[in-house]
Amino acid sequence: MSETKTVTARGRCLCGGVAFEVSSARDVIYCHCKQCRSWHGHYIGYSACLKEDLTFLSDRTLKWFSSSGEARRGFCGECGSSLFWQANHSPNINFVAGCLDEPTGLKSESHIFLGSAGDYYELTDTLPKYEESD
């Protein structure tokens, strides 16, 4: 995982059934892989933290889906908000940066998996871009 910074940020799903707080976070990486685009409807910005730096304030509607043999995805079973991605056996958990309350103190870091990006958009920013993961 890229370098993390100390933050205090809260995030939640649309209905509030899943709410959490993080005490550290990595800057935002935009993922363009087909699974993320299918899951979110477009490429997505994820931050991440160590699992022990994430505290659930409410997880009554949190559901997990095994999206591949390597990872699972967390979402709200009530409103459907997609919130988390976690590689199996990883000490880190990724969370959707857009569900955090502002100000987050986070910055955009890079784009990954451009080798499987959609053909309907162009990236014109100056962030580092990687065909696979960084």
N, C-alpha and C. Protein backbone atom coordinates (compact mmCIF):
# COMPACT_ATOMS: atom_id res chain seq x y z
N MET A 1 0.85 -1.18 0.00
CA MET A 1 0.00 0.00 0.00
C MET A 1 0.89 1.24 0.00
N SER A 2 0.49 2.25 -0.74
CA SER A 2 1.21 3.52 -0.75
C SER A 2 1.23 4.11 0.65
N GLU A 3 2.01 5.13 0.80
CA GLU A 3 2.14 5.77 2.11
C GLU A 3 0.79 6.28 2.62
N THR A 4 0.55 6.07 3.90
CA THR A 4 -0.68 6.57 4.51
C THR A 4 -0.39 7.81 5.33
N LYS A 5 -1.42 8.57 5.56
CA LYS A 5 -1.30 9.75 6.41
C LYS A 5 -2.31 9.65 7.53
N THR A 6 -2.02 10.29 8.62
CA THR A 6 -2.95 10.31 9.74
C THR A 6 -4.10 11.24 9.39
N VAL A 7 -5.30 10.72 9.48
CA VAL A 7 -6.50 11.50 9.22
C VAL A 7 -7.57 11.07 10.20
N THR A 8 -8.58 11.84 10.32
CA THR A 8 -9.81 11.39 10.98
C THR A 8 -10.91 11.69 9.98
N ALA A 9 -11.41 10.64 9.37
CA ALA A 9 -12.44 10.81 8.34
C ALA A 9 -13.56 9.83 8.59
N ARG A 10 -14.76 10.27 8.32
CA ARG A 10 -15.93 9.40 8.44
C ARG A 10 -16.57 9.22 7.07
N GLY A 11 -17.11 8.02 6.87
CA GLY A 11 -17.80 7.72 5.62
C GLY A 11 -19.06 6.94 5.92
N ARG A 12 -19.94 6.90 4.92
CA ARG A 12 -21.18 6.15 5.11
C ARG A 12 -21.82 5.87 3.76
N CYS A 13 -22.76 4.94 3.79
CA CYS A 13 -23.57 4.66 2.61
C CYS A 13 -24.68 5.72 2.52
N LEU A 14 -25.49 5.62 1.49
CA LEU A 14 -26.57 6.60 1.30
C LEU A 14 -27.59 6.60 2.43
N CYS A 15 -27.95 5.42 2.95
CA CYS A 15 -29.00 5.36 3.97
C CYS A 15 -28.44 5.42 5.40
N GLY A 16 -27.13 5.33 5.57
CA GLY A 16 -26.52 5.39 6.90
C GLY A 16 -26.46 4.07 7.63
N GLY A 17 -26.92 2.99 7.01
CA GLY A 17 -26.85 1.67 7.64
C GLY A 17 -25.43 1.18 7.83
N VAL A 18 -24.52 1.67 6.99
CA VAL A 18 -23.09 1.40 7.14
C VAL A 18 -22.41 2.74 7.32
N ALA A 19 -21.73 2.91 8.45
CA ALA A 19 -20.99 4.13 8.73
C ALA A 19 -19.68 3.71 9.38
N PHE A 20 -18.62 4.43 9.06
CA PHE A 20 -17.31 4.06 9.58
C PHE A 20 -16.43 5.28 9.75
N GLU A 21 -15.35 5.08 10.47
CA GLU A 21 -14.34 6.12 10.69
C GLU A 21 -12.98 5.50 10.43
N VAL A 22 -12.09 6.25 9.80
CA VAL A 22 -10.71 5.81 9.59
C VAL A 22 -9.77 6.78 10.29
N SER A 23 -8.66 6.23 10.79
CA SER A 23 -7.67 7.07 11.47
C SER A 23 -6.40 7.22 10.63
N SER A 24 -6.35 6.55 9.50
CA SER A 24 -5.27 6.73 8.53
C SER A 24 -5.85 6.45 7.16
N ALA A 25 -5.22 6.97 6.13
CA ALA A 25 -5.70 6.73 4.77
C ALA A 25 -4.60 7.00 3.77
N ARG A 26 -4.64 6.25 2.69
CA ARG A 26 -3.76 6.45 1.55
C ARG A 26 -4.45 7.43 0.61
N ASP A 27 -3.69 8.19 -0.16
CA ASP A 27 -4.30 9.06 -1.15
C ASP A 27 -5.08 8.22 -2.17
N VAL A 28 -5.89 8.86 -2.96
CA VAL A 28 -6.86 8.19 -3.82
C VAL A 28 -6.23 7.67 -5.11
N ILE A 29 -6.50 6.40 -5.38
CA ILE A 29 -6.08 5.75 -6.63
C ILE A 29 -7.35 5.42 -7.40
N TYR A 30 -7.37 5.77 -8.68
CA TYR A 30 -8.52 5.51 -9.54
C TYR A 30 -8.32 4.20 -10.27
N CYS A 31 -9.25 3.26 -10.07
CA CYS A 31 -9.15 1.94 -10.69
C CYS A 31 -10.07 1.86 -11.90
N HIS A 32 -9.51 1.37 -13.01
CA HIS A 32 -10.24 1.26 -14.27
C HIS A 32 -10.48 -0.19 -14.67
N CYS A 33 -10.27 -1.14 -13.76
CA CYS A 33 -10.46 -2.55 -14.12
C CYS A 33 -11.94 -2.82 -14.41
N LYS A 34 -12.19 -3.86 -15.17
CA LYS A 34 -13.57 -4.20 -15.58
C LYS A 34 -14.45 -4.49 -14.37
N GLN A 35 -13.91 -5.19 -13.35
CA GLN A 35 -14.74 -5.46 -12.17
C GLN A 35 -15.17 -4.18 -11.48
N CYS A 36 -14.26 -3.24 -11.28
CA CYS A 36 -14.64 -1.98 -10.63
C CYS A 36 -15.63 -1.20 -11.48
N ARG A 37 -15.40 -1.16 -12.79
CA ARG A 37 -16.33 -0.43 -13.65
C ARG A 37 -17.72 -1.07 -13.62
N SER A 38 -17.78 -2.39 -13.57
CA SER A 38 -19.08 -3.07 -13.49
C SER A 38 -19.74 -2.85 -12.14
N TRP A 39 -18.95 -2.90 -11.09
CA TRP A 39 -19.47 -2.76 -9.72
C TRP A 39 -19.99 -1.36 -9.44
N HIS A 40 -19.25 -0.35 -9.91
CA HIS A 40 -19.58 1.04 -9.60
C HIS A 40 -20.28 1.78 -10.74
N GLY A 41 -20.24 1.23 -11.95
CA GLY A 41 -20.84 1.90 -13.10
C GLY A 41 -19.87 2.78 -13.86
N HIS A 42 -18.66 2.92 -13.36
CA HIS A 42 -17.62 3.74 -13.99
C HIS A 42 -16.34 3.47 -13.21
N TYR A 43 -15.22 4.05 -13.66
CA TYR A 43 -14.01 3.85 -12.84
C TYR A 43 -14.23 4.53 -11.49
N ILE A 44 -13.44 4.10 -10.49
CA ILE A 44 -13.73 4.52 -9.12
C ILE A 44 -12.46 4.95 -8.39
N GLY A 45 -12.62 5.89 -7.48
CA GLY A 45 -11.52 6.35 -6.64
C GLY A 45 -11.57 5.66 -5.28
N TYR A 46 -10.51 4.92 -4.98
CA TYR A 46 -10.40 4.23 -3.70
C TYR A 46 -9.27 4.82 -2.87
N SER A 47 -9.51 4.92 -1.59
CA SER A 47 -8.46 5.12 -0.61
C SER A 47 -8.32 3.80 0.13
N ALA A 48 -7.42 3.71 1.08
CA ALA A 48 -7.24 2.46 1.83
C ALA A 48 -6.62 2.76 3.17
N CYS A 49 -6.77 1.80 4.07
CA CYS A 49 -6.14 1.89 5.39
C CYS A 49 -5.89 0.48 5.89
N LEU A 50 -5.13 0.38 6.95
CA LEU A 50 -4.98 -0.90 7.64
C LEU A 50 -6.32 -1.22 8.29
N LYS A 51 -6.67 -2.52 8.34
CA LYS A 51 -7.96 -2.91 8.92
C LYS A 51 -8.12 -2.37 10.34
N GLU A 52 -7.02 -2.35 11.11
CA GLU A 52 -7.14 -1.89 12.49
C GLU A 52 -7.36 -0.38 12.60
N ASP A 53 -7.18 0.35 11.49
CA ASP A 53 -7.43 1.79 11.49
C ASP A 53 -8.85 2.14 11.03
N LEU A 54 -9.69 1.12 10.82
CA LEU A 54 -11.07 1.33 10.42
C LEU A 54 -11.98 0.86 11.55
N THR A 55 -12.89 1.74 11.96
CA THR A 55 -13.86 1.42 13.01
C THR A 55 -15.26 1.59 12.44
N PHE A 56 -16.08 0.55 12.57
CA PHE A 56 -17.46 0.67 12.12
C PHE A 56 -18.28 1.34 13.20
N LEU A 57 -18.97 2.41 12.83
CA LEU A 57 -19.91 3.09 13.71
C LEU A 57 -21.28 2.42 13.60
N SER A 58 -21.54 1.85 12.43
CA SER A 58 -22.73 1.05 12.18
C SER A 58 -22.40 0.09 11.03
N ASP A 59 -22.71 -1.18 11.23
CA ASP A 59 -22.52 -2.14 10.14
C ASP A 59 -23.75 -3.04 9.99
N ARG A 60 -24.90 -2.54 10.44
CA ARG A 60 -26.11 -3.37 10.48
C ARG A 60 -26.58 -3.80 9.10
N THR A 61 -26.24 -3.07 8.04
CA THR A 61 -26.67 -3.44 6.69
C THR A 61 -25.50 -3.84 5.79
N LEU A 62 -24.31 -3.98 6.37
CA LEU A 62 -23.13 -4.33 5.59
C LEU A 62 -23.20 -5.77 5.11
N LYS A 63 -23.00 -5.97 3.82
CA LYS A 63 -22.96 -7.28 3.20
C LYS A 63 -21.66 -7.41 2.43
N TRP A 64 -21.15 -8.64 2.33
CA TRP A 64 -19.92 -8.90 1.58
C TRP A 64 -20.22 -9.86 0.44
N PHE A 65 -19.58 -9.62 -0.69
CA PHE A 65 -19.73 -10.43 -1.89
C PHE A 65 -18.34 -10.86 -2.34
N SER A 66 -18.13 -12.15 -2.52
CA SER A 66 -16.86 -12.66 -3.03
C SER A 66 -16.84 -12.45 -4.53
N SER A 67 -16.14 -11.42 -4.98
CA SER A 67 -16.18 -11.02 -6.38
C SER A 67 -15.19 -11.79 -7.25
N SER A 68 -14.27 -12.49 -6.63
CA SER A 68 -13.30 -13.32 -7.36
C SER A 68 -12.64 -14.24 -6.34
N GLY A 69 -11.76 -15.06 -6.81
CA GLY A 69 -11.01 -15.93 -5.90
C GLY A 69 -9.98 -15.17 -5.08
N GLU A 70 -9.77 -13.90 -5.43
CA GLU A 70 -8.75 -13.10 -4.76
C GLU A 70 -9.28 -12.01 -3.85
N ALA A 71 -10.57 -11.67 -3.94
CA ALA A 71 -11.04 -10.51 -3.19
C ALA A 71 -12.54 -10.58 -2.93
N ARG A 72 -12.95 -9.68 -2.02
CA ARG A 72 -14.37 -9.52 -1.73
C ARG A 72 -14.71 -8.03 -1.77
N ARG A 73 -16.00 -7.74 -1.93
CA ARG A 73 -16.48 -6.37 -1.99
C ARG A 73 -17.59 -6.18 -0.96
N GLY A 74 -17.56 -5.05 -0.27
CA GLY A 74 -18.56 -4.74 0.75
C GLY A 74 -19.52 -3.68 0.26
N PHE A 75 -20.79 -3.86 0.61
CA PHE A 75 -21.83 -2.93 0.16
C PHE A 75 -22.95 -2.89 1.19
N CYS A 76 -23.80 -1.90 1.06
CA CYS A 76 -24.97 -1.79 1.92
C CYS A 76 -26.10 -2.62 1.34
N GLY A 77 -26.61 -3.56 2.12
CA GLY A 77 -27.70 -4.40 1.68
C GLY A 77 -29.03 -3.68 1.60
N GLU A 78 -29.12 -2.48 2.15
CA GLU A 78 -30.37 -1.70 2.12
C GLU A 78 -30.42 -0.75 0.92
N CYS A 79 -29.44 0.15 0.81
CA CYS A 79 -29.47 1.14 -0.27
C CYS A 79 -28.61 0.76 -1.48
N GLY A 80 -27.75 -0.25 -1.32
CA GLY A 80 -26.95 -0.73 -2.44
C GLY A 80 -25.62 -0.01 -2.65
N SER A 81 -25.28 0.95 -1.79
CA SER A 81 -24.01 1.66 -1.98
C SER A 81 -22.84 0.69 -1.92
N SER A 82 -21.95 0.77 -2.92
CA SER A 82 -20.73 -0.03 -2.91
C SER A 82 -19.66 0.76 -2.16
N LEU A 83 -19.03 0.10 -1.19
CA LEU A 83 -18.18 0.84 -0.25
C LEU A 83 -16.76 0.32 -0.11
N PHE A 84 -16.56 -0.99 -0.17
CA PHE A 84 -15.26 -1.58 0.18
C PHE A 84 -14.78 -2.58 -0.85
N TRP A 85 -13.46 -2.75 -0.91
CA TRP A 85 -12.82 -3.81 -1.67
C TRP A 85 -11.68 -4.30 -0.80
N GLN A 86 -11.57 -5.63 -0.65
CA GLN A 86 -10.51 -6.18 0.19
C GLN A 86 -9.96 -7.45 -0.43
N ALA A 87 -8.65 -7.45 -0.67
CA ALA A 87 -7.98 -8.66 -1.15
C ALA A 87 -7.96 -9.68 -0.02
N ASN A 88 -8.14 -10.95 -0.38
CA ASN A 88 -8.10 -12.01 0.62
C ASN A 88 -6.77 -11.98 1.37
N HIS A 89 -6.82 -12.13 2.66
CA HIS A 89 -5.64 -12.21 3.53
C HIS A 89 -4.82 -10.93 3.58
N SER A 90 -5.37 -9.81 3.13
CA SER A 90 -4.66 -8.53 3.16
C SER A 90 -4.88 -7.83 4.49
N PRO A 91 -3.85 -7.15 5.01
CA PRO A 91 -4.04 -6.35 6.22
C PRO A 91 -4.72 -5.01 5.93
N ASN A 92 -4.96 -4.71 4.64
CA ASN A 92 -5.54 -3.44 4.22
C ASN A 92 -6.98 -3.62 3.78
N ILE A 93 -7.72 -2.55 3.88
CA ILE A 93 -9.07 -2.51 3.32
C ILE A 93 -9.21 -1.22 2.51
N ASN A 94 -9.73 -1.34 1.31
CA ASN A 94 -9.94 -0.20 0.43
C ASN A 94 -11.36 0.29 0.59
N PHE A 95 -11.56 1.58 0.58
CA PHE A 95 -12.89 2.16 0.69
C PHE A 95 -13.07 3.25 -0.35
N VAL A 96 -14.29 3.41 -0.81
CA VAL A 96 -14.61 4.38 -1.84
C VAL A 96 -14.43 5.79 -1.26
N ALA A 97 -13.56 6.56 -1.89
CA ALA A 97 -13.27 7.90 -1.38
C ALA A 97 -14.50 8.80 -1.41
N GLY A 98 -15.39 8.59 -2.35
CA GLY A 98 -16.57 9.43 -2.49
C GLY A 98 -17.57 9.32 -1.35
N CYS A 99 -17.46 8.29 -0.52
CA CYS A 99 -18.42 8.14 0.59
C CYS A 99 -17.94 8.87 1.85
N LEU A 100 -16.74 9.46 1.80
CA LEU A 100 -16.21 10.18 2.96
C LEU A 100 -16.81 11.58 3.07
N ASP A 101 -16.99 12.03 4.29
CA ASP A 101 -17.40 13.41 4.54
C ASP A 101 -16.19 14.32 4.32
N GLU A 102 -16.42 15.48 3.75
CA GLU A 102 -15.37 16.46 3.54
C GLU A 102 -15.18 17.33 4.77
N PRO A 103 -14.02 17.87 4.98
CA PRO A 103 -12.82 17.70 4.16
C PRO A 103 -12.11 16.39 4.51
N THR A 104 -11.54 15.74 3.49
CA THR A 104 -10.87 14.46 3.71
C THR A 104 -9.37 14.62 3.93
N GLY A 105 -8.77 15.66 3.35
CA GLY A 105 -7.32 15.80 3.42
C GLY A 105 -6.60 14.91 2.43
N LEU A 106 -7.34 14.21 1.58
CA LEU A 106 -6.74 13.29 0.61
C LEU A 106 -6.54 13.99 -0.73
N LYS A 107 -5.60 13.47 -1.50
CA LYS A 107 -5.30 13.97 -2.84
C LYS A 107 -5.41 12.82 -3.83
N SER A 108 -5.52 13.14 -5.10
CA SER A 108 -5.50 12.13 -6.15
C SER A 108 -4.07 11.68 -6.36
N GLU A 109 -3.85 10.36 -6.46
CA GLU A 109 -2.49 9.82 -6.59
C GLU A 109 -2.18 9.29 -7.98
N SER A 110 -3.03 8.42 -8.53
CA SER A 110 -2.73 7.80 -9.82
C SER A 110 -3.95 7.07 -10.37
N HIS A 111 -3.79 6.57 -11.60
CA HIS A 111 -4.79 5.72 -12.26
C HIS A 111 -4.15 4.35 -12.46
N ILE A 112 -4.92 3.28 -12.19
CA ILE A 112 -4.40 1.93 -12.40
C ILE A 112 -5.34 1.13 -13.31
N PHE A 113 -4.80 0.06 -13.88
CA PHE A 113 -5.50 -0.86 -14.77
C PHE A 113 -6.08 -0.16 -16.01
N LEU A 114 -5.28 0.77 -16.56
CA LEU A 114 -5.73 1.44 -17.79
C LEU A 114 -5.77 0.47 -18.96
N GLY A 115 -5.10 -0.68 -18.83
CA GLY A 115 -5.16 -1.70 -19.88
C GLY A 115 -6.56 -2.26 -20.07
N SER A 116 -7.43 -2.09 -19.08
CA SER A 116 -8.81 -2.57 -19.22
C SER A 116 -9.82 -1.43 -19.05
N ALA A 117 -9.37 -0.20 -19.28
CA ALA A 117 -10.27 0.96 -19.17
C ALA A 117 -11.34 0.91 -20.26
N GLY A 118 -12.45 1.56 -20.00
CA GLY A 118 -13.52 1.64 -20.98
C GLY A 118 -13.10 2.46 -22.20
N ASP A 119 -13.73 2.18 -23.32
CA ASP A 119 -13.41 2.91 -24.56
C ASP A 119 -14.24 4.18 -24.74
N TYR A 120 -15.02 4.53 -23.75
CA TYR A 120 -15.94 5.66 -23.87
C TYR A 120 -15.47 6.91 -23.14
N TYR A 121 -14.26 6.89 -22.59
CA TYR A 121 -13.76 8.08 -21.91
C TYR A 121 -12.26 8.25 -22.15
N GLU A 122 -11.80 9.49 -21.95
CA GLU A 122 -10.38 9.82 -22.07
C GLU A 122 -9.92 10.43 -20.76
N LEU A 123 -8.68 10.18 -20.41
CA LEU A 123 -8.09 10.81 -19.23
C LEU A 123 -7.14 11.89 -19.70
N THR A 124 -7.36 13.10 -19.23
CA THR A 124 -6.53 14.21 -19.67
C THR A 124 -5.75 14.84 -18.51
N ASP A 125 -5.85 14.26 -17.30
CA ASP A 125 -5.11 14.82 -16.18
C ASP A 125 -3.65 14.38 -16.26
N THR A 126 -2.84 14.90 -15.37
CA THR A 126 -1.39 14.62 -15.38
C THR A 126 -0.97 13.61 -14.32
N LEU A 127 -1.93 12.91 -13.72
CA LEU A 127 -1.58 11.89 -12.73
C LEU A 127 -0.84 10.74 -13.38
N PRO A 128 0.03 10.05 -12.63
CA PRO A 128 0.67 8.85 -13.18
C PRO A 128 -0.38 7.83 -13.60
N LYS A 129 -0.09 7.12 -14.70
CA LYS A 129 -1.03 6.14 -15.25
C LYS A 129 -0.31 4.82 -15.45
N TYR A 130 -0.96 3.72 -15.03
CA TYR A 130 -0.37 2.40 -15.08
C TYR A 130 -1.29 1.43 -15.81
N GLU A 131 -0.73 0.64 -16.71
CA GLU A 131 -1.52 -0.36 -17.44
C GLU A 131 -2.10 -1.40 -16.51
N GLU A 132 -1.34 -1.77 -15.49
CA GLU A 132 -1.78 -2.72 -14.46
C GLU A 132 -1.87 -1.95 -13.16
N SER A 133 -1.56 -2.63 -12.05
CA SER A 133 -1.53 -1.96 -10.74
C SER A 133 -0.18 -1.29 -10.58
N ASP A 134 -0.11 -0.27 -9.72
CA ASP A 134 1.18 0.43 -9.51
C ASP A 134 2.11 -0.36 -8.64
